[in-house]
Amino acid sequence: MKKSLFVLVAILLTAPILTGGVHAQWRIGAAGGATYNWHSVDMQYQVDNRIAGAWGWSAALFTQYNFKDWIGLRAEVEAMERNHRFYRTGTYAGTNYTYHNTYIQLPVMAQFSFGGKVVRGFVNTGVYAGYWAASQQKGSFYVPMGGRTFDVDEPYIFQSDKDQRGDFGLAGGLGLECRVAEHWAIHVEGRCYYSFISTVKQYMRVKDYRYNTTLGIQAGFCYIF
């Protein structure tokens, strides 16, 4: 499934170049914005551990082919932070840091649009495949013995037996597009990504499933051939 998504994205990204942009239905563009991500976690025995949501960023290149004026197929290549915050209570209160998790993702979505020629609303719905490319820990770590707090700002070292770096899930959004010139349009969109795959492999007897859910708000522009 993931290989098929990569192939489809490659075709959609290169098709406007290969066809010389002769079809008015093609468009290419870029978008970026802010994200808010959180984990769906069953903490179970982890009494003093807490996980909360955190803000990040996103940036994407996209292409789209409209079969009709109301329906099209959209593919993107994007980098996105799907961050989360870890902190502790009780004896270790004072430990508080954020994981800045960078993902490379390939959403493929159907777009349904409605409205006039200048201003149109749209709905995107589809799936995405992703890869957890990097992570940085930033914050503070508290040591009860001596009551000392240490600053943390270092790369997270992935563990092959614990960390699940591949990802797959649902992607969708709701937005508004404005045609500002014959070949140019701008848009704003609210987006949601819902992961089907836990970021933690089940390497312990106690199950520790953790699923990302990411909300985003982005703005972008496109060139319409």
C-alpha atoms as a PDB file:
ATOM      1  CA  MET A   1       0.000   0.000   0.000  1.00  0.00           C
ATOM      2  CA  LYS A   2       2.762   2.454   0.950  1.00  0.00           C
ATOM      3  CA  LYS A   3       4.742   1.688  -2.236  1.00  0.00           C
ATOM      4  CA  SER A   4       1.610   2.347  -4.285  1.00  0.00           C
ATOM      5  CA  LEU A   5       1.220   5.740  -2.609  1.00  0.00           C
ATOM      6  CA  PHE A   6       4.838   6.658  -3.417  1.00  0.00           C
ATOM      7  CA  VAL A   7       4.334   5.725  -7.071  1.00  0.00           C
ATOM      8  CA  LEU A   8       1.051   7.663  -7.309  1.00  0.00           C
ATOM      9  CA  VAL A   9       2.589  10.771  -5.723  1.00  0.00           C
ATOM     10  CA  ALA A  10       5.557  10.610  -8.124  1.00  0.00           C
ATOM     11  CA  ILE A  11       3.234  10.371 -11.122  1.00  0.00           C
ATOM     12  CA  LEU A  12       1.083  13.275  -9.992  1.00  0.00           C
ATOM     13  CA  LEU A  13       4.068  15.487  -9.170  1.00  0.00           C
ATOM     14  CA  THR A  14       5.807  14.943 -12.505  1.00  0.00           C
ATOM     15  CA  ALA A  15       2.800  14.764 -14.825  1.00  0.00           C
ATOM     16  CA  PRO A  16       2.438  18.560 -15.333  1.00  0.00           C
ATOM     17  CA  ILE A  17       6.074  18.691 -16.490  1.00  0.00           C
ATOM     18  CA  LEU A  18       5.839  15.621 -18.687  1.00  0.00           C
ATOM     19  CA  THR A  19       2.639  16.824 -20.348  1.00  0.00           C
ATOM     20  CA  GLY A  20       3.932  20.364 -20.780  1.00  0.00           C
ATOM     21  CA  GLY A  21       1.009  21.683 -18.723  1.00  0.00           C
ATOM     22  CA  VAL A  22      -1.387  21.406 -21.667  1.00  0.00           C
ATOM     23  CA  HIS A  23      -4.366  20.393 -19.553  1.00  0.00           C
ATOM     24  CA  ALA A  24      -6.148  23.190 -17.733  1.00  0.00           C
ATOM     25  CA  GLN A  25      -7.069  20.763 -14.937  1.00  0.00           C
ATOM     26  CA  TRP A  26      -3.495  20.547 -13.567  1.00  0.00           C
ATOM     27  CA  ARG A  27      -2.221  22.661 -10.699  1.00  0.00           C
ATOM     28  CA  ILE A  28       0.923  22.696  -8.566  1.00  0.00           C
ATOM     29  CA  GLY A  29       1.596  24.633  -5.389  1.00  0.00           C
ATOM     30  CA  ALA A  30       2.992  24.912  -1.885  1.00  0.00           C
ATOM     31  CA  ALA A  31       1.529  25.307   1.598  1.00  0.00           C
ATOM     32  CA  GLY A  32       2.682  25.660   5.174  1.00  0.00           C
ATOM     33  CA  GLY A  33       1.362  26.336   8.642  1.00  0.00           C
ATOM     34  CA  ALA A  34       1.073  25.191  12.254  1.00  0.00           C
ATOM     35  CA  THR A  35       0.220  21.798  13.743  1.00  0.00           C
ATOM     36  CA  TYR A  36      -1.010  20.574  17.118  1.00  0.00           C
ATOM     37  CA  ASN A  37      -0.363  16.909  17.857  1.00  0.00           C
ATOM     38  CA  TRP A  38      -1.267  14.626  20.740  1.00  0.00           C
ATOM     39  CA  HIS A  39      -0.885  10.954  21.630  1.00  0.00           C
ATOM     40  CA  SER A  40      -3.766   8.613  22.361  1.00  0.00           C
ATOM     41  CA  VAL A  41      -2.119   6.717  25.219  1.00  0.00           C
ATOM     42  CA  ASP A  42      -3.147   4.198  27.870  1.00  0.00           C
ATOM     43  CA  MET A  43      -0.664   5.101  30.625  1.00  0.00           C
ATOM     44  CA  GLN A  44      -1.560   1.977  32.666  1.00  0.00           C
ATOM     45  CA  TYR A  45       1.165   1.479  35.295  1.00  0.00           C
ATOM     46  CA  GLN A  46       2.978   4.746  34.501  1.00  0.00           C
ATOM     47  CA  VAL A  47       1.540   6.553  37.517  1.00  0.00           C
ATOM     48  CA  ASP A  48       3.820   9.617  37.567  1.00  0.00           C
ATOM     49  CA  ASN A  49       4.279   9.995  33.807  1.00  0.00           C
ATOM     50  CA  ARG A  50       2.169  12.383  31.762  1.00  0.00           C
ATOM     51  CA  ILE A  51       1.964  13.045  28.011  1.00  0.00           C
ATOM     52  CA  ALA A  52       0.367  16.172  26.550  1.00  0.00           C
ATOM     53  CA  GLY A  53      -0.049  17.779  23.140  1.00  0.00           C
ATOM     54  CA  ALA A  54       2.386  20.254  21.589  1.00  0.00           C
ATOM     55  CA  TRP A  55       2.569  22.716  18.692  1.00  0.00           C
ATOM     56  CA  GLY A  56       4.732  22.308  15.601  1.00  0.00           C
ATOM     57  CA  TRP A  57       4.929  23.293  11.935  1.00  0.00           C
ATOM     58  CA  SER A  58       4.249  21.866   8.481  1.00  0.00           C
ATOM     59  CA  ALA A  59       5.444  22.559   4.914  1.00  0.00           C
ATOM     60  CA  ALA A  60       4.304  20.849   1.726  1.00  0.00           C
ATOM     61  CA  LEU A  61       4.506  20.753  -2.061  1.00  0.00           C
ATOM     62  CA  PHE A  62       1.424  19.485  -3.851  1.00  0.00           C
ATOM     63  CA  THR A  63      -0.067  18.742  -7.226  1.00  0.00           C
ATOM     64  CA  GLN A  64      -3.682  18.216  -8.195  1.00  0.00           C
ATOM     65  CA  TYR A  65      -5.618  17.030 -11.211  1.00  0.00           C
ATOM     66  CA  ASN A  66      -9.286  18.026 -11.521  1.00  0.00           C
ATOM     67  CA  PHE A  67     -11.412  15.553 -13.469  1.00  0.00           C
ATOM     68  CA  LYS A  68     -14.376  17.965 -13.230  1.00  0.00           C
ATOM     69  CA  ASP A  69     -14.715  21.419 -11.724  1.00  0.00           C
ATOM     70  CA  TRP A  70     -16.006  19.797  -8.513  1.00  0.00           C
ATOM     71  CA  ILE A  71     -13.735  16.765  -8.071  1.00  0.00           C
ATOM     72  CA  GLY A  72      -9.984  16.225  -8.267  1.00  0.00           C
ATOM     73  CA  LEU A  73      -7.122  14.060  -7.014  1.00  0.00           C
ATOM     74  CA  ARG A  74      -4.460  15.706  -4.853  1.00  0.00           C
ATOM     75  CA  ALA A  75      -1.038  14.397  -3.812  1.00  0.00           C
ATOM     76  CA  GLU A  76       1.510  16.005  -1.509  1.00  0.00           C
ATOM     77  CA  VAL A  77       5.044  15.624  -0.228  1.00  0.00           C
ATOM     78  CA  GLU A  78       5.312  17.258   3.169  1.00  0.00           C
ATOM     79  CA  ALA A  79       7.498  17.633   6.221  1.00  0.00           C
ATOM     80  CA  MET A  80       5.579  17.964   9.455  1.00  0.00           C
ATOM     81  CA  GLU A  81       6.262  18.186  13.162  1.00  0.00           C
ATOM     82  CA  ARG A  82       4.043  15.836  15.168  1.00  0.00           C
ATOM     83  CA  ASN A  83       5.278  16.874  18.600  1.00  0.00           C
ATOM     84  CA  HIS A  84       4.305  15.850  22.104  1.00  0.00           C
ATOM     85  CA  ARG A  85       5.242  16.927  25.610  1.00  0.00           C
ATOM     86  CA  PHE A  86       6.398  14.584  28.385  1.00  0.00           C
ATOM     87  CA  TYR A  87       6.367  15.568  32.040  1.00  0.00           C
ATOM     88  CA  ARG A  88       6.363  13.893  35.446  1.00  0.00           C
ATOM     89  CA  THR A  89       4.554  14.429  38.718  1.00  0.00           C
ATOM     90  CA  GLY A  90       5.328  13.307  42.262  1.00  0.00           C
ATOM     91  CA  THR A  91       8.973  12.716  43.145  1.00  0.00           C
ATOM     92  CA  TYR A  92      10.198  13.701  39.688  1.00  0.00           C
ATOM     93  CA  ALA A  93       8.025  16.817  39.284  1.00  0.00           C
ATOM     94  CA  GLY A  94      10.162  19.301  37.374  1.00  0.00           C
ATOM     95  CA  THR A  95      10.952  16.907  34.531  1.00  0.00           C
ATOM     96  CA  ASN A  96       9.302  18.521  31.551  1.00  0.00           C
ATOM     97  CA  TYR A  97      10.418  18.350  27.939  1.00  0.00           C
ATOM     98  CA  THR A  98       9.036  18.296  24.422  1.00  0.00           C
ATOM     99  CA  TYR A  99       9.761  15.762  21.698  1.00  0.00           C
ATOM    100  CA  HIS A 100      10.052  17.618  18.379  1.00  0.00           C
ATOM    101  CA  ASN A 101       9.156  14.786  15.993  1.00  0.00           C
ATOM    102  CA  THR A 102       9.721  15.415  12.287  1.00  0.00           C
ATOM    103  CA  TYR A 103       7.753  13.238   9.860  1.00  0.00           C
ATOM    104  CA  ILE A 104       7.988  12.988   6.073  1.00  0.00           C
ATOM    105  CA  GLN A 105       4.492  12.234   4.756  1.00  0.00           C
ATOM    106  CA  LEU A 106       2.757  11.483   1.470  1.00  0.00           C
ATOM    107  CA  PRO A 107      -0.983  12.262   1.605  1.00  0.00           C
ATOM    108  CA  VAL A 108      -3.162  11.277  -1.356  1.00  0.00           C
ATOM    109  CA  MET A 109      -6.682  12.701  -1.230  1.00  0.00           C
ATOM    110  CA  ALA A 110      -9.786  13.253  -3.296  1.00  0.00           C
ATOM    111  CA  GLN A 111     -10.887  16.893  -3.331  1.00  0.00           C
ATOM    112  CA  PHE A 112     -14.527  17.900  -3.611  1.00  0.00           C
ATOM    113  CA  SER A 113     -15.140  21.599  -4.244  1.00  0.00           C
ATOM    114  CA  PHE A 114     -18.178  23.855  -4.397  1.00  0.00           C
ATOM    115  CA  GLY A 115     -18.980  27.522  -4.956  1.00  0.00           C
ATOM    116  CA  GLY A 116     -18.329  30.155  -7.619  1.00  0.00           C
ATOM    117  CA  LYS A 117     -15.489  30.779 -10.063  1.00  0.00           C
ATOM    118  CA  VAL A 118     -13.559  33.130  -7.767  1.00  0.00           C
ATOM    119  CA  VAL A 119     -14.227  31.787  -4.276  1.00  0.00           C
ATOM    120  CA  ARG A 120     -14.741  28.078  -3.667  1.00  0.00           C
ATOM    121  CA  GLY A 121     -14.930  25.850  -0.625  1.00  0.00           C
ATOM    122  CA  PHE A 122     -13.400  22.375  -0.678  1.00  0.00           C
ATOM    123  CA  VAL A 123     -13.168  19.138   1.266  1.00  0.00           C
ATOM    124  CA  ASN A 124     -10.138  16.825   1.103  1.00  0.00           C
ATOM    125  CA  THR A 125     -10.387  13.180   2.144  1.00  0.00           C
ATOM    126  CA  GLY A 126      -7.945  10.296   1.765  1.00  0.00           C
ATOM    127  CA  VAL A 127      -4.990   8.485   3.320  1.00  0.00           C
ATOM    128  CA  TYR A 128      -1.311   9.119   4.001  1.00  0.00           C
ATOM    129  CA  ALA A 129       1.896   7.153   4.464  1.00  0.00           C
ATOM    130  CA  GLY A 130       4.678   8.602   6.592  1.00  0.00           C
ATOM    131  CA  TYR A 131       8.093   8.081   8.136  1.00  0.00           C
ATOM    132  CA  TRP A 132       9.355   9.336  11.504  1.00  0.00           C
ATOM    133  CA  ALA A 133      12.570  10.918  10.257  1.00  0.00           C
ATOM    134  CA  ALA A 134      14.007  12.669  13.329  1.00  0.00           C
ATOM    135  CA  SER A 135      13.294  13.691  16.905  1.00  0.00           C
ATOM    136  CA  GLN A 136      14.805  16.269  19.253  1.00  0.00           C
ATOM    137  CA  GLN A 137      14.275  16.424  23.028  1.00  0.00           C
ATOM    138  CA  LYS A 138      14.130  19.913  24.556  1.00  0.00           C
ATOM    139  CA  GLY A 139      13.319  20.862  28.143  1.00  0.00           C
ATOM    140  CA  SER A 140      14.466  19.994  31.670  1.00  0.00           C
ATOM    141  CA  PHE A 141      15.162  16.840  33.686  1.00  0.00           C
ATOM    142  CA  TYR A 142      14.835  16.835  37.498  1.00  0.00           C
ATOM    143  CA  VAL A 143      16.995  14.636  39.741  1.00  0.00           C
ATOM    144  CA  PRO A 144      15.500  14.283  43.263  1.00  0.00           C
ATOM    145  CA  MET A 145      18.850  13.386  44.821  1.00  0.00           C
ATOM    146  CA  GLY A 146      20.329  16.822  45.357  1.00  0.00           C
ATOM    147  CA  GLY A 147      17.253  18.554  43.937  1.00  0.00           C
ATOM    148  CA  ARG A 148      19.014  19.456  40.704  1.00  0.00           C
ATOM    149  CA  THR A 149      17.472  20.278  37.332  1.00  0.00           C
ATOM    150  CA  PHE A 150      19.365  19.748  34.083  1.00  0.00           C
ATOM    151  CA  ASP A 151      18.591  21.293  30.707  1.00  0.00           C
ATOM    152  CA  VAL A 152      17.839  18.842  27.906  1.00  0.00           C
ATOM    153  CA  ASP A 153      18.442  19.684  24.216  1.00  0.00           C
ATOM    154  CA  GLU A 154      19.649  16.658  22.287  1.00  0.00           C
ATOM    155  CA  PRO A 155      18.637  14.311  19.470  1.00  0.00           C
ATOM    156  CA  TYR A 156      16.501  11.367  20.467  1.00  0.00           C
ATOM    157  CA  ILE A 157      18.263   8.087  19.645  1.00  0.00           C
ATOM    158  CA  PHE A 158      15.838   5.702  17.971  1.00  0.00           C
ATOM    159  CA  GLN A 159      15.660   2.127  19.256  1.00  0.00           C
ATOM    160  CA  SER A 160      14.851  -0.477  16.616  1.00  0.00           C
ATOM    161  CA  ASP A 161      13.174  -2.824  19.100  1.00  0.00           C
ATOM    162  CA  LYS A 162      10.967  -0.080  20.553  1.00  0.00           C
ATOM    163  CA  ASP A 163      10.257   2.730  18.071  1.00  0.00           C
ATOM    164  CA  GLN A 164       7.881   2.261  15.149  1.00  0.00           C
ATOM    165  CA  ARG A 165       9.015   4.795  12.543  1.00  0.00           C
ATOM    166  CA  GLY A 166       6.655   3.884   9.696  1.00  0.00           C
ATOM    167  CA  ASP A 167       3.185   5.399   9.787  1.00  0.00           C
ATOM    168  CA  PHE A 168      -0.125   5.137   7.941  1.00  0.00           C
ATOM    169  CA  GLY A 169      -3.553   6.640   8.498  1.00  0.00           C
ATOM    170  CA  LEU A 170      -6.396   8.870   7.397  1.00  0.00           C
ATOM    171  CA  ALA A 171      -6.005  12.444   6.143  1.00  0.00           C
ATOM    172  CA  GLY A 172      -8.677  15.050   5.559  1.00  0.00           C
ATOM    173  CA  GLY A 173      -9.346  18.755   5.533  1.00  0.00           C
ATOM    174  CA  LEU A 174     -11.783  21.582   4.990  1.00  0.00           C
ATOM    175  CA  GLY A 175     -10.801  24.831   3.299  1.00  0.00           C
ATOM    176  CA  LEU A 176     -11.476  27.880   1.171  1.00  0.00           C
ATOM    177  CA  GLU A 177      -9.807  28.848  -2.119  1.00  0.00           C
ATOM    178  CA  CYS A 178      -9.722  32.243  -3.826  1.00  0.00           C
ATOM    179  CA  ARG A 179      -8.762  32.727  -7.497  1.00  0.00           C
ATOM    180  CA  VAL A 180      -6.625  35.897  -7.510  1.00  0.00           C
ATOM    181  CA  ALA A 181      -5.532  35.817 -11.177  1.00  0.00           C
ATOM    182  CA  GLU A 182      -6.075  33.770 -14.318  1.00  0.00           C
ATOM    183  CA  HIS A 183      -3.471  31.179 -13.340  1.00  0.00           C
ATOM    184  CA  TRP A 184      -3.070  31.789  -9.587  1.00  0.00           C
ATOM    185  CA  ALA A 185      -5.073  30.885  -6.501  1.00  0.00           C
ATOM    186  CA  ILE A 186      -4.535  31.052  -2.745  1.00  0.00           C
ATOM    187  CA  HIS A 187      -6.150  28.918  -0.046  1.00  0.00           C
ATOM    188  CA  VAL A 188      -6.481  28.275   3.669  1.00  0.00           C
ATOM    189  CA  GLU A 189      -7.275  24.849   5.092  1.00  0.00           C
ATOM    190  CA  GLY A 190      -7.835  23.051   8.367  1.00  0.00           C
ATOM    191  CA  ARG A 191      -6.358  19.549   8.232  1.00  0.00           C
ATOM    192  CA  CYS A 192      -6.498  16.400  10.383  1.00  0.00           C
ATOM    193  CA  TYR A 193      -4.256  13.307  10.361  1.00  0.00           C
ATOM    194  CA  TYR A 194      -5.300  10.201  12.295  1.00  0.00           C
ATOM    195  CA  SER A 195      -2.718   7.421  12.617  1.00  0.00           C
ATOM    196  CA  PHE A 196      -3.535   3.703  12.545  1.00  0.00           C
ATOM    197  CA  ILE A 197      -0.042   2.680  13.705  1.00  0.00           C
ATOM    198  CA  SER A 198       1.375   2.987  17.216  1.00  0.00           C
ATOM    199  CA  THR A 199       4.660   4.885  17.534  1.00  0.00           C
ATOM    200  CA  VAL A 200       5.768   2.245  20.069  1.00  0.00           C
ATOM    201  CA  LYS A 201       6.312  -1.411  19.194  1.00  0.00           C
ATOM    202  CA  GLN A 202       4.946  -3.895  21.698  1.00  0.00           C
ATOM    203  CA  TYR A 203       8.287  -4.971  23.105  1.00  0.00           C
ATOM    204  CA  MET A 204       7.069  -5.315  26.704  1.00  0.00           C
ATOM    205  CA  ARG A 205       4.536  -7.618  28.327  1.00  0.00           C
ATOM    206  CA  VAL A 206       2.451  -4.566  29.234  1.00  0.00           C
ATOM    207  CA  LYS A 207       1.001  -3.067  26.068  1.00  0.00           C
ATOM    208  CA  ASP A 208       1.995   0.558  25.460  1.00  0.00           C
ATOM    209  CA  TYR A 209       0.094   1.709  22.366  1.00  0.00           C
ATOM    210  CA  ARG A 210       0.587   5.351  21.338  1.00  0.00           C
ATOM    211  CA  TYR A 211      -1.211   6.828  18.330  1.00  0.00           C
ATOM    212  CA  ASN A 212      -0.679  10.280  16.820  1.00  0.00           C
ATOM    213  CA  THR A 213      -3.567  12.588  16.003  1.00  0.00           C
ATOM    214  CA  THR A 214      -2.574  15.871  14.372  1.00  0.00           C
ATOM    215  CA  LEU A 215      -4.626  18.960  13.651  1.00  0.00           C
ATOM    216  CA  GLY A 216      -3.210  21.651  11.379  1.00  0.00           C
ATOM    217  CA  ILE A 217      -4.015  25.028   9.922  1.00  0.00           C
ATOM    218  CA  GLN A 218      -2.214  25.990   6.726  1.00  0.00           C
ATOM    219  CA  ALA A 219      -2.168  28.576   3.972  1.00  0.00           C
ATOM    220  CA  GLY A 220      -0.827  28.141   0.454  1.00  0.00           C
ATOM    221  CA  PHE A 221      -0.893  29.077  -3.200  1.00  0.00           C
ATOM    222  CA  CYS A 222      -0.956  27.238  -6.511  1.00  0.00           C
ATOM    223  CA  TYR A 223      -0.357  27.797 -10.206  1.00  0.00           C
ATOM    224  CA  ILE A 224      -3.172  26.545 -12.440  1.00  0.00           C
ATOM    225  CA  PHE A 225      -2.158  25.434 -15.927  1.00  0.00           C
END
